[in-house]
Amino acid sequence: MSDGAATDAADTQSCEDLSEDADLRAARGLLSAEAVWARSAALFGRIEAGAADCFTFDADALGPIADRVAALTKSRFPSLDVPLHSRWRHFEVEGVDRFKGLAGARGWSSPAEAARAMGDLAILSVLLDAGAGPTWRYTEPASGLQIGRSEGLAIASLAMFASGVFSAVPAAPLRADAGALETVSDEDFTSAFQISVDTPLSGASGRRALLGACAGAVRECPELFATEDDPRPGGLIDALAAEAVDGALPATVILERVLEGFGPIWPSRLSLAGLPLGDTWQHEAIGDGTVGSDLVPFHKLSTWLSLSLIEPLAVRGVTVSALDQLPGLAEYRNGGLFVDGGALTLRDPAVVSEPLDVAHPIIVEWRAATVTLLGRIAPLVRARLGAD
């Protein structure tokens, strides 16, 4: 090879390296709270400007929606002592604190051990949390309550945790570890979630597979999941506590570690530069030709999980700060608030006469609007409540 050819080859290799580095930076940039806010705002900006294909926006509707939210909040929580929105509230359906009863019977030897177990439960319960389908219900043996949707899934996962099926340590049933998660069978799962012909659970096989994927993830990342114990989901609490400064940890750091640790387990999702992007979707309207510019991250389940780790961290002695820097949850209950309240209107209502795939531009646009409008309505609600 001549000197010129060698130089050309080296330049080509250098350009490829730079391209790969740029792709990886773009991918990592999408795995953050800041990216959720920024990309959602970019897509919502088109709706606000009247340039979006799917929705129109009526800013005048936000005031009445804020009135509605503030009034409901004041009626339910007159002292404004509002409990944290997290998976732990679902364990308290009908006013019964089911985990507190378990914890009292277990009697952990230290706050760190208790927090680790709480982390196990929260992580597994959130991983198993997705649309259950219209007919699935869980019948709680102790109370006879029939509970559906996310709340029913929470109670079912709590009962499964309490049974010890997630623990490979017989003397410590209230924990989860990689060894036990790898061996959960279809029969175990079907029985625990009371799945039958009459009560089918949407995506049941995928949920059970997530348990095995979770086991693999915690084994592969000991620096996040095995700093003080065997590889286990709740080991993340130990790693997060180690990052706290003067006992405080920004909420966005929790989300970053959740995305780092559990990103690889999600099936059939986008990846960039070999990095799984989780709850990230394409919308061509905001692309500018650069790598990843047309991608919109929401990280709904990961944010929900991050919120659900705040209480285990509190038991560990860690205070979580800057909660308002986490994005709102881009899901149908929150999104429905703005549709029902008239802030968002479909240009063509007939297009949703049939179910749409989650990757459909309408759904991506709706979720982006949901994140942005939750941010917009928050100060309006605070003002009405006289709260900071």
Protein backbone atom coordinates (compact mmCIF):
# COMPACT_ATOMS: atom_id res chain seq x y z
CA MET A 1 0.00 0.00 0.00
CA SER A 2 1.35 3.45 -0.90
CA ASP A 3 1.79 6.15 1.72
CA GLY A 4 -1.17 8.02 0.21
CA ALA A 5 -3.38 4.94 0.27
CA ALA A 6 -2.34 4.21 3.83
CA THR A 7 -3.18 7.78 4.83
CA ASP A 8 -6.58 7.54 3.11
CA ALA A 9 -7.30 4.27 4.91
CA ALA A 10 -6.31 5.79 8.24
CA ASP A 11 -8.50 8.83 7.59
CA THR A 12 -11.41 6.56 6.68
CA GLN A 13 -10.95 4.55 9.87
CA SER A 14 -10.71 7.76 11.89
CA CYS A 15 -13.96 9.04 10.37
CA GLU A 16 -15.67 5.75 11.17
CA ASP A 17 -14.46 5.96 14.77
CA LEU A 18 -15.74 9.52 15.06
CA SER A 19 -19.09 8.47 13.60
CA GLU A 20 -19.38 5.61 16.08
CA ASP A 21 -18.48 7.96 18.94
CA ALA A 22 -21.11 10.45 17.78
CA ASP A 23 -23.74 7.71 17.56
CA LEU A 24 -22.91 6.51 21.06
CA ARG A 25 -23.07 10.03 22.45
CA ALA A 26 -26.44 10.51 20.77
CA ALA A 27 -27.70 7.23 22.24
CA ARG A 28 -26.51 8.05 25.75
CA GLY A 29 -28.04 11.49 25.48
CA LEU A 30 -31.47 9.92 25.01
CA LEU A 31 -31.17 8.02 28.30
CA SER A 32 -31.91 10.94 30.59
CA ALA A 33 -34.72 13.00 32.07
CA GLU A 34 -33.45 16.05 30.20
CA ALA A 35 -33.93 14.28 26.86
CA VAL A 36 -37.51 13.33 27.72
CA TRP A 37 -38.38 16.94 28.49
CA ALA A 38 -36.52 18.38 25.48
CA ARG A 39 -37.74 15.96 22.79
CA SER A 40 -41.31 16.05 24.09
CA ALA A 41 -41.24 19.85 24.03
CA ALA A 42 -39.94 19.83 20.47
CA LEU A 43 -42.78 17.61 19.28
CA PHE A 44 -45.41 19.48 21.32
CA GLY A 45 -44.11 22.74 19.84
CA ARG A 46 -45.48 21.61 16.48
CA ILE A 47 -48.91 20.98 18.04
CA GLU A 48 -48.86 24.39 19.71
CA ALA A 49 -47.91 26.06 16.43
CA GLY A 50 -50.75 24.31 14.60
CA ALA A 51 -48.30 22.39 12.43
CA ALA A 52 -48.81 18.88 13.82
CA ASP A 53 -50.54 16.16 11.83
CA CYS A 54 -52.49 14.56 14.67
CA PHE A 55 -53.55 17.04 17.38
CA THR A 56 -54.54 20.64 17.91
CA PHE A 57 -54.03 22.51 21.21
CA ASP A 58 -56.31 24.89 23.10
CA ALA A 59 -54.30 26.77 25.72
CA ASP A 60 -57.47 28.21 27.26
CA ALA A 61 -58.43 24.72 28.44
CA LEU A 62 -55.46 24.46 30.83
CA GLY A 63 -57.00 26.79 33.42
CA PRO A 64 -60.19 24.72 33.87
CA ILE A 65 -58.12 21.53 33.93
CA ALA A 66 -55.93 23.01 36.66
CA ASP A 67 -59.08 24.00 38.56
CA ARG A 68 -60.29 20.41 38.35
CA VAL A 69 -57.00 18.92 39.53
CA ALA A 70 -56.62 21.42 42.36
CA ALA A 71 -60.18 20.86 43.56
CA LEU A 72 -59.78 17.09 43.56
CA THR A 73 -56.43 17.35 45.35
CA LYS A 74 -57.88 19.62 48.03
CA SER A 75 -60.88 17.35 48.55
CA ARG A 76 -58.76 14.24 48.96
CA PHE A 77 -55.86 15.85 50.85
CA PRO A 78 -57.18 18.94 52.71
CA SER A 79 -53.84 19.47 54.48
CA LEU A 80 -51.98 19.03 51.15
CA ASP A 81 -50.01 16.18 52.69
CA VAL A 82 -50.08 14.29 49.38
CA PRO A 83 -48.36 10.88 49.43
CA LEU A 84 -45.68 10.17 46.90
CA HIS A 85 -46.95 8.76 43.61
CA SER A 86 -45.24 5.37 43.44
CA ARG A 87 -45.84 1.64 43.31
CA TRP A 88 -46.11 1.60 47.10
CA ARG A 89 -49.53 3.27 46.94
CA HIS A 90 -50.83 0.31 44.93
CA PHE A 91 -49.84 -2.01 47.77
CA GLU A 92 -52.24 0.03 49.95
CA VAL A 93 -55.45 -0.53 47.94
CA GLU A 94 -58.57 -0.07 50.09
CA GLY A 95 -56.46 1.57 52.79
CA VAL A 96 -54.61 -1.62 53.83
CA ASP A 97 -50.81 -1.30 54.08
CA ARG A 98 -49.98 -4.86 53.06
CA PHE A 99 -46.21 -4.42 52.96
CA LYS A 100 -46.13 -2.96 56.47
CA GLY A 101 -47.65 -6.19 57.77
CA LEU A 102 -45.02 -8.26 55.97
CA ALA A 103 -42.19 -6.06 57.16
CA GLY A 104 -43.36 -6.24 60.77
CA ALA A 105 -43.34 -10.03 60.67
CA ARG A 106 -39.94 -10.21 58.96
CA GLY A 107 -37.96 -7.90 61.23
CA TRP A 108 -34.89 -7.11 59.12
CA SER A 109 -31.59 -6.78 60.97
CA SER A 110 -30.72 -3.34 59.57
CA PRO A 111 -32.18 -0.46 57.56
CA ALA A 112 -29.87 -1.42 54.67
CA GLU A 113 -31.26 -4.95 54.58
CA ALA A 114 -34.85 -3.71 54.72
CA ALA A 115 -34.21 -1.14 51.99
CA ARG A 116 -32.63 -3.79 49.78
CA ALA A 117 -35.69 -6.02 50.14
CA MET A 118 -37.99 -3.08 49.42
CA GLY A 119 -35.93 -2.41 46.31
CA ASP A 120 -36.36 -6.04 45.23
CA LEU A 121 -40.12 -5.80 45.56
CA ALA A 122 -40.51 -2.39 43.93
CA ILE A 123 -38.34 -3.28 40.95
CA LEU A 124 -39.99 -6.61 40.22
CA SER A 125 -43.49 -5.24 40.72
CA VAL A 126 -42.85 -2.35 38.34
CA LEU A 127 -41.25 -4.62 35.74
CA LEU A 128 -44.42 -6.72 35.80
CA ASP A 129 -46.62 -3.64 35.53
CA ALA A 130 -48.18 -2.96 32.14
CA GLY A 131 -51.69 -3.01 30.69
CA ALA A 132 -53.37 -6.11 32.13
CA GLY A 133 -56.20 -6.24 29.59
CA PRO A 134 -59.92 -5.60 30.10
CA THR A 135 -60.93 -8.89 31.71
CA TRP A 136 -58.06 -9.80 34.03
CA ARG A 137 -58.74 -9.55 37.76
CA TYR A 138 -56.80 -10.71 40.81
CA THR A 139 -58.82 -12.07 43.72
CA GLU A 140 -57.00 -11.37 46.98
CA PRO A 141 -57.33 -14.50 49.14
CA ALA A 142 -57.37 -12.69 52.49
CA SER A 143 -60.00 -10.09 51.63
CA GLY A 144 -61.84 -11.54 48.65
CA LEU A 145 -61.31 -8.26 46.81
CA GLN A 146 -61.24 -8.50 43.02
CA ILE A 147 -58.74 -5.97 41.71
CA GLY A 148 -57.84 -5.26 38.08
CA ARG A 149 -55.43 -3.09 36.13
CA SER A 150 -52.18 -1.83 37.63
CA GLU A 151 -53.43 -2.11 41.21
CA GLY A 152 -54.32 -5.78 40.76
CA LEU A 153 -50.93 -6.50 39.24
CA ALA A 154 -49.29 -4.84 42.24
CA ILE A 155 -51.18 -6.97 44.77
CA ALA A 156 -50.45 -10.14 42.77
CA SER A 157 -46.74 -9.37 42.58
CA LEU A 158 -46.64 -8.55 46.30
CA ALA A 159 -48.25 -11.92 47.10
CA MET A 160 -45.75 -13.65 44.82
CA PHE A 161 -42.89 -11.87 46.60
CA ALA A 162 -44.32 -12.82 50.00
CA SER A 163 -44.48 -16.49 48.98
CA GLY A 164 -40.67 -16.59 48.72
CA VAL A 165 -40.64 -17.74 45.09
CA PHE A 166 -38.17 -14.95 44.17
CA SER A 167 -35.65 -15.93 46.87
CA ALA A 168 -32.95 -18.57 46.64
CA VAL A 169 -32.31 -18.24 50.39
CA PRO A 170 -34.86 -20.38 52.30
CA ALA A 171 -34.18 -18.56 55.57
CA ALA A 172 -34.93 -15.19 53.93
CA PRO A 173 -38.03 -15.55 51.75
CA LEU A 174 -38.73 -11.79 51.49
CA ARG A 175 -36.04 -10.99 48.96
CA ALA A 176 -35.28 -11.54 45.30
CA ASP A 177 -32.05 -12.72 43.71
CA ALA A 178 -30.77 -13.74 40.33
CA GLY A 179 -30.65 -17.45 41.19
CA ALA A 180 -34.35 -17.67 42.01
CA LEU A 181 -35.54 -15.31 39.27
CA GLU A 182 -33.96 -17.59 36.68
CA THR A 183 -36.08 -20.53 37.80
CA VAL A 184 -39.57 -19.01 37.97
CA SER A 185 -41.67 -21.25 35.74
CA ASP A 186 -44.70 -20.54 33.58
CA GLU A 187 -46.72 -22.59 36.07
CA ASP A 188 -45.48 -20.47 39.00
CA PHE A 189 -46.41 -17.30 37.16
CA THR A 190 -49.79 -18.52 35.96
CA SER A 191 -50.76 -19.60 39.45
CA ALA A 192 -49.52 -16.44 41.17
CA PHE A 193 -51.36 -14.14 38.78
CA GLN A 194 -54.47 -16.34 38.68
CA ILE A 195 -54.41 -16.53 34.90
CA SER A 196 -57.21 -18.58 33.35
CA VAL A 197 -59.44 -18.75 30.30
CA ASP A 198 -61.85 -16.40 32.08
CA THR A 199 -59.14 -14.06 33.36
CA PRO A 200 -56.45 -13.86 30.66
CA LEU A 201 -53.52 -11.54 31.36
CA SER A 202 -52.19 -9.58 28.39
CA GLY A 203 -48.53 -10.32 27.64
CA ALA A 204 -48.22 -12.96 30.36
CA SER A 205 -45.36 -14.85 28.69
CA GLY A 206 -43.44 -11.64 28.13
CA ARG A 207 -43.82 -10.62 31.75
CA ARG A 208 -42.48 -13.93 33.00
CA ALA A 209 -39.58 -13.68 30.54
CA LEU A 210 -38.72 -10.29 32.05
CA LEU A 211 -37.95 -12.01 35.34
CA GLY A 212 -35.26 -14.11 33.66
CA ALA A 213 -33.98 -11.08 31.79
CA CYS A 214 -33.81 -9.19 35.08
CA ALA A 215 -31.69 -11.99 36.54
CA GLY A 216 -29.28 -11.69 33.64
CA ALA A 217 -29.08 -7.92 33.98
CA VAL A 218 -28.23 -7.97 37.68
CA ARG A 219 -25.56 -10.63 37.12
CA GLU A 220 -23.95 -8.67 34.31
CA CYS A 221 -23.69 -5.42 36.26
CA PRO A 222 -22.34 -6.18 39.75
CA GLU A 223 -21.25 -2.56 40.24
CA LEU A 224 -24.95 -1.65 40.34
CA PHE A 225 -26.56 -4.76 41.80
CA ALA A 226 -24.04 -6.63 43.93
CA THR A 227 -21.95 -4.15 45.91
CA GLU A 228 -23.07 -5.45 49.33
CA ASP A 229 -24.85 -8.76 48.63
CA ASP A 230 -25.38 -11.39 45.96
CA PRO A 231 -26.66 -10.11 42.59
CA ARG A 232 -30.23 -8.95 43.23
CA PRO A 233 -32.47 -6.17 41.92
CA GLY A 234 -32.56 -4.37 45.27
CA GLY A 235 -28.78 -4.16 45.24
CA LEU A 236 -29.38 -1.00 43.22
CA ILE A 237 -30.37 0.71 46.49
CA ASP A 238 -26.85 0.13 47.82
CA ALA A 239 -25.27 1.59 44.68
CA LEU A 240 -27.56 4.63 44.74
CA ALA A 241 -26.91 5.23 48.44
CA ALA A 242 -23.18 5.26 47.70
CA GLU A 243 -23.73 8.12 45.23
CA ALA A 244 -25.55 10.30 47.75
CA VAL A 245 -23.74 13.44 48.86
CA ASP A 246 -24.41 14.47 52.45
CA GLY A 247 -27.33 12.05 52.45
CA ALA A 248 -29.01 13.55 49.38
CA LEU A 249 -29.41 12.19 45.85
CA PRO A 250 -30.98 13.96 42.83
CA ALA A 251 -33.98 12.10 41.43
CA THR A 252 -32.54 12.25 37.92
CA VAL A 253 -29.57 10.13 39.02
CA ILE A 254 -31.97 7.36 40.02
CA LEU A 255 -33.50 7.41 36.53
CA GLU A 256 -30.08 7.32 34.88
CA ARG A 257 -29.04 4.26 36.91
CA VAL A 258 -32.34 2.52 36.26
CA LEU A 259 -31.91 3.07 32.52
CA GLU A 260 -28.31 1.90 32.71
CA GLY A 261 -29.08 -1.24 34.68
CA PHE A 262 -32.35 -2.37 33.14
CA GLY A 263 -32.14 -0.95 29.62
CA PRO A 264 -30.89 -4.24 28.14
CA ILE A 265 -33.87 -6.29 29.30
CA TRP A 266 -36.59 -4.69 27.17
CA PRO A 267 -37.44 -6.75 24.07
CA SER A 268 -38.12 -5.49 20.54
CA ARG A 269 -37.12 -1.88 21.11
CA LEU A 270 -34.88 0.56 19.27
CA SER A 271 -31.14 0.64 19.80
CA LEU A 272 -28.46 3.06 18.66
CA ALA A 273 -24.73 2.30 18.54
CA GLY A 274 -25.55 -1.03 20.19
CA LEU A 275 -27.20 0.71 23.17
CA PRO A 276 -30.84 -0.25 23.92
CA LEU A 277 -32.99 2.88 24.13
CA GLY A 278 -35.91 1.51 26.13
CA ASP A 279 -39.14 3.50 25.90
CA THR A 280 -37.99 5.57 22.89
CA TRP A 281 -39.93 6.02 19.65
CA GLN A 282 -39.50 7.57 16.24
CA HIS A 283 -41.33 10.63 14.95
CA GLU A 284 -40.03 11.97 11.66
CA ALA A 285 -41.44 15.45 12.22
CA ILE A 286 -38.64 16.51 14.57
CA GLY A 287 -35.72 14.90 12.72
CA ASP A 288 -33.05 17.23 11.34
CA GLY A 289 -30.96 14.61 9.56
CA THR A 290 -28.55 13.97 12.41
CA VAL A 291 -28.34 10.58 14.07
CA GLY A 292 -31.11 10.06 16.60
CA SER A 293 -32.71 13.48 16.08
CA ASP A 294 -36.05 11.89 15.14
CA LEU A 295 -36.23 9.82 18.34
CA VAL A 296 -38.44 10.75 21.29
CA PRO A 297 -37.71 9.09 24.66
CA PHE A 298 -40.39 8.82 27.36
CA HIS A 299 -38.96 6.23 29.81
CA LYS A 300 -42.36 5.94 31.46
CA LEU A 301 -41.84 2.64 33.26
CA SER A 302 -38.28 3.60 34.25
CA THR A 303 -39.50 6.89 35.71
CA TRP A 304 -42.29 5.05 37.54
CA LEU A 305 -39.61 2.71 38.91
CA SER A 306 -37.41 5.65 39.91
CA LEU A 307 -40.29 7.16 41.89
CA SER A 308 -40.89 3.77 43.50
CA LEU A 309 -37.29 3.60 44.76
CA ILE A 310 -37.56 6.81 46.76
CA GLU A 311 -39.18 5.13 49.75
CA PRO A 312 -36.61 2.30 49.95
CA LEU A 313 -33.89 4.95 49.77
CA ALA A 314 -35.57 6.86 52.61
CA VAL A 315 -35.41 3.71 54.75
CA ARG A 316 -31.72 3.55 53.88
CA GLY A 317 -31.35 7.15 55.12
CA VAL A 318 -31.10 8.85 51.72
CA THR A 319 -33.17 11.94 50.87
CA VAL A 320 -34.10 12.30 47.19
CA SER A 321 -33.98 15.88 45.90
CA ALA A 322 -35.21 17.73 42.79
CA LEU A 323 -38.22 15.49 42.19
CA ASP A 324 -39.72 18.00 39.75
CA GLN A 325 -36.83 17.37 37.35
CA LEU A 326 -38.24 13.93 36.60
CA PRO A 327 -40.65 13.97 33.64
CA GLY A 328 -44.31 13.20 34.15
CA LEU A 329 -45.49 9.75 33.18
CA ALA A 330 -46.46 9.57 29.50
CA GLU A 331 -49.33 7.15 29.91
CA TYR A 332 -52.99 7.03 29.00
CA ARG A 333 -54.47 8.16 32.32
CA ASN A 334 -52.40 11.35 32.34
CA GLY A 335 -52.84 11.86 28.60
CA GLY A 336 -56.57 11.36 28.94
CA LEU A 337 -56.77 14.31 31.32
CA PHE A 338 -55.79 16.69 28.53
CA VAL A 339 -58.03 15.06 25.93
CA ASP A 340 -61.05 14.93 28.24
CA GLY A 341 -60.37 18.50 29.34
CA GLY A 342 -60.28 19.80 25.78
CA ALA A 343 -56.64 20.90 25.70
CA LEU A 344 -55.82 18.30 23.04
CA THR A 345 -58.15 17.47 20.15
CA LEU A 346 -57.57 14.95 17.40
CA ARG A 347 -57.69 16.41 13.92
CA ASP A 348 -59.39 13.24 12.70
CA PRO A 349 -61.24 11.44 15.53
CA ALA A 350 -62.13 8.57 13.19
CA VAL A 351 -58.49 7.48 13.07
CA VAL A 352 -58.74 6.06 16.59
CA SER A 353 -61.82 3.96 15.92
CA GLU A 354 -59.45 0.99 15.99
CA PRO A 355 -56.58 0.35 18.45
CA LEU A 356 -53.25 1.87 17.40
CA ASP A 357 -49.77 0.47 17.89
CA VAL A 358 -47.70 2.23 20.52
CA ALA A 359 -45.24 3.29 17.79
CA HIS A 360 -47.94 5.07 15.78
CA PRO A 361 -47.24 8.81 15.28
CA ILE A 362 -50.53 9.68 16.99
CA ILE A 363 -49.50 7.84 20.14
CA VAL A 364 -45.98 9.32 20.11
CA GLU A 365 -47.39 12.81 19.61
CA TRP A 366 -49.97 12.30 22.38
CA ARG A 367 -47.35 11.06 24.83
CA ALA A 368 -45.03 13.99 24.06
CA ALA A 369 -47.90 16.40 24.63
CA THR A 370 -48.70 14.65 27.91
CA VAL A 371 -45.17 15.14 29.28
CA THR A 372 -45.06 18.79 28.26
CA LEU A 373 -48.54 19.64 29.51
CA LEU A 374 -47.95 17.97 32.87
CA GLY A 375 -45.03 20.35 33.22
CA ARG A 376 -47.18 23.29 32.16
CA ILE A 377 -50.10 22.52 34.45
CA ALA A 378 -48.03 21.91 37.58
CA PRO A 379 -47.40 25.59 38.42
CA LEU A 380 -51.08 26.38 37.70
CA VAL A 381 -52.18 23.74 40.20
CA ARG A 382 -49.63 24.92 42.77
CA ALA A 383 -50.88 28.48 42.45
CA ARG A 384 -54.47 27.39 43.03
CA LEU A 385 -53.43 25.40 46.10
CA GLY A 386 -51.08 28.07 47.46
CA ALA A 387 -48.30 25.47 47.44
CA ASP A 388 -44.64 25.70 46.48
